[in-house]
Every structure is written in C-alpha cells, then in structure tokens.
Amino acid sequence: METVNKIEEKVIAVIKGKPVEADRFITNRHGKKFEFDRAAVNTRGGFCLDQMRDDEVIIAPGLIYRAVKEA
C-alpha cells in the first residue's frame, strides 16, 4: 500500500518505499487540468491499466491524476 500526504500545491507519495514529490495539479498541452488522486498499484514491474478510470492519466513514476471537472 502506498501512502500519500497532500500538502498545498505539492503531494508526497511513497512509491516503492521512496517518497516522491509531485505537483498537486497539472495541465496538459490542450489546457485540460488534472488533480493528483493516488499512487498507482505496481504489479510485476509495471502498472495494470485496469485500475484506471476513463478520466485519469498516469505519470511516471506511477502517479495517477484525475481530470478536474469544470463548474
């Protein structure tokens, strides 16, 4: 189980026993905004994409971001 500590504009996730600092929000090249959701579950040296929803992206080293819904 990976742990996550959400701090202001950064997140600290523990992946493979090491802390990883990442942005809480990212924006893709089309201007779509994503918010950090969780660390991906690592299986056999990779990541099973079955854990992903349609509105999520995975960024190395295993951070899952979910699309921010515009109000």
C-alpha atoms as a PDB file:
ATOM      1  CA  MET A   1       0.000   0.000   0.000  1.00  0.00           C
ATOM      2  CA  GLU A   2       1.371   3.382  -0.989  1.00  0.00           C
ATOM      3  CA  THR A   3       0.853   6.400   1.255  1.00  0.00           C
ATOM      4  CA  VAL A   4       0.102   9.944   0.189  1.00  0.00           C
ATOM      5  CA  ASN A   5       0.452  13.250   2.035  1.00  0.00           C
ATOM      6  CA  LYS A   6      -1.336  16.146   0.299  1.00  0.00           C
ATOM      7  CA  ILE A   7       0.306  19.499   1.036  1.00  0.00           C
ATOM      8  CA  GLU A   8      -0.910  22.788  -0.508  1.00  0.00           C
ATOM      9  CA  GLU A   9       0.294  22.693  -4.136  1.00  0.00           C
ATOM     10  CA  LYS A  10       2.553  19.628  -3.814  1.00  0.00           C
ATOM     11  CA  VAL A  11       1.891  15.998  -2.939  1.00  0.00           C
ATOM     12  CA  ILE A  12       4.253  13.469  -1.440  1.00  0.00           C
ATOM     13  CA  ALA A  13       3.536   9.888  -2.429  1.00  0.00           C
ATOM     14  CA  VAL A  14       5.542   6.864  -1.326  1.00  0.00           C
ATOM     15  CA  ILE A  15       6.252   4.654  -4.314  1.00  0.00           C
ATOM     16  CA  LYS A  16       8.369   1.507  -3.940  1.00  0.00           C
ATOM     17  CA  GLY A  17       9.347   2.698  -0.465  1.00  0.00           C
ATOM     18  CA  LYS A  18      10.670   6.072  -1.622  1.00  0.00           C
ATOM     19  CA  PRO A  19       8.989   9.471  -1.189  1.00  0.00           C
ATOM     20  CA  VAL A  20       8.132  11.205  -4.460  1.00  0.00           C
ATOM     21  CA  GLU A  21       7.148  14.879  -4.571  1.00  0.00           C
ATOM     22  CA  ALA A  22       4.803  15.946  -7.367  1.00  0.00           C
ATOM     23  CA  ASP A  23       2.534  18.823  -8.295  1.00  0.00           C
ATOM     24  CA  ARG A  24      -0.991  18.595  -6.922  1.00  0.00           C
ATOM     25  CA  PHE A  25      -2.369  19.973 -10.209  1.00  0.00           C
ATOM     26  CA  ILE A  26      -1.039  19.525 -13.742  1.00  0.00           C
ATOM     27  CA  THR A  27      -2.249  20.859 -17.092  1.00  0.00           C
ATOM     28  CA  ASN A  28      -1.882  19.032 -20.406  1.00  0.00           C
ATOM     29  CA  ARG A  29      -0.913  20.716 -23.672  1.00  0.00           C
ATOM     30  CA  HIS A  30      -4.596  21.261 -24.510  1.00  0.00           C
ATOM     31  CA  GLY A  31      -5.180  23.217 -21.301  1.00  0.00           C
ATOM     32  CA  LYS A  32      -7.095  20.440 -19.507  1.00  0.00           C
ATOM     33  CA  LYS A  33      -6.435  20.430 -15.747  1.00  0.00           C
ATOM     34  CA  PHE A  34      -5.805  17.273 -13.682  1.00  0.00           C
ATOM     35  CA  GLU A  35      -5.577  16.813  -9.899  1.00  0.00           C
ATOM     36  CA  PHE A  36      -3.422  14.208  -8.157  1.00  0.00           C
ATOM     37  CA  ASP A  37      -5.601  11.328  -6.966  1.00  0.00           C
ATOM     38  CA  ARG A  38      -3.392   8.437  -5.842  1.00  0.00           C
ATOM     39  CA  ALA A  39      -0.277   6.375  -6.395  1.00  0.00           C
ATOM     40  CA  ALA A  40      -0.690   3.569  -8.920  1.00  0.00           C
ATOM     41  CA  VAL A  41      -0.560  -0.040  -7.769  1.00  0.00           C
ATOM     42  CA  ASN A  42       2.618  -1.659  -9.098  1.00  0.00           C
ATOM     43  CA  THR A  43       2.241  -5.246 -10.333  1.00  0.00           C
ATOM     44  CA  ARG A  44       5.104  -7.366 -11.690  1.00  0.00           C
ATOM     45  CA  GLY A  45       7.293  -4.383 -12.503  1.00  0.00           C
ATOM     46  CA  GLY A  46       4.584  -2.396 -14.271  1.00  0.00           C
ATOM     47  CA  PHE A  47       1.174  -0.861 -13.822  1.00  0.00           C
ATOM     48  CA  CYS A  48      -2.097  -2.600 -14.636  1.00  0.00           C
ATOM     49  CA  LEU A  49      -4.260  -0.153 -16.561  1.00  0.00           C
ATOM     50  CA  ASP A  50      -7.413  -1.844 -15.202  1.00  0.00           C
ATOM     51  CA  GLN A  51      -7.021   0.396 -12.133  1.00  0.00           C
ATOM     52  CA  MET A  52      -7.537   3.489 -14.305  1.00  0.00           C
ATOM     53  CA  ARG A  53     -10.784   5.337 -14.983  1.00  0.00           C
ATOM     54  CA  ASP A  54     -11.567   6.985 -18.325  1.00  0.00           C
ATOM     55  CA  ASP A  55     -10.890  10.448 -16.884  1.00  0.00           C
ATOM     56  CA  GLU A  56      -7.456   9.589 -15.418  1.00  0.00           C
ATOM     57  CA  VAL A  57      -3.860   9.710 -16.639  1.00  0.00           C
ATOM     58  CA  ILE A  58      -0.753   8.072 -15.191  1.00  0.00           C
ATOM     59  CA  ILE A  59       2.550   9.933 -14.973  1.00  0.00           C
ATOM     60  CA  ALA A  60       5.929   8.347 -14.206  1.00  0.00           C
ATOM     61  CA  PRO A  61       6.911   7.093 -11.675  1.00  0.00           C
ATOM     62  CA  GLY A  62       3.311   5.953 -11.022  1.00  0.00           C
ATOM     63  CA  LEU A  63       1.205   8.973 -10.104  1.00  0.00           C
ATOM     64  CA  ILE A  64      -2.458   8.929 -11.112  1.00  0.00           C
ATOM     65  CA  TYR A  65      -4.151  12.233 -11.871  1.00  0.00           C
ATOM     66  CA  ARG A  66      -7.911  12.688 -12.382  1.00  0.00           C
ATOM     67  CA  ALA A  67      -9.452  15.295 -14.698  1.00  0.00           C
ATOM     68  CA  VAL A  68     -10.834  18.338 -12.874  1.00  0.00           C
ATOM     69  CA  LYS A  69     -14.471  18.884 -13.712  1.00  0.00           C
ATOM     70  CA  GLU A  70     -15.175  22.490 -14.693  1.00  0.00           C
ATOM     71  CA  ALA A  71     -18.205  24.012 -12.942  1.00  0.00           C
END
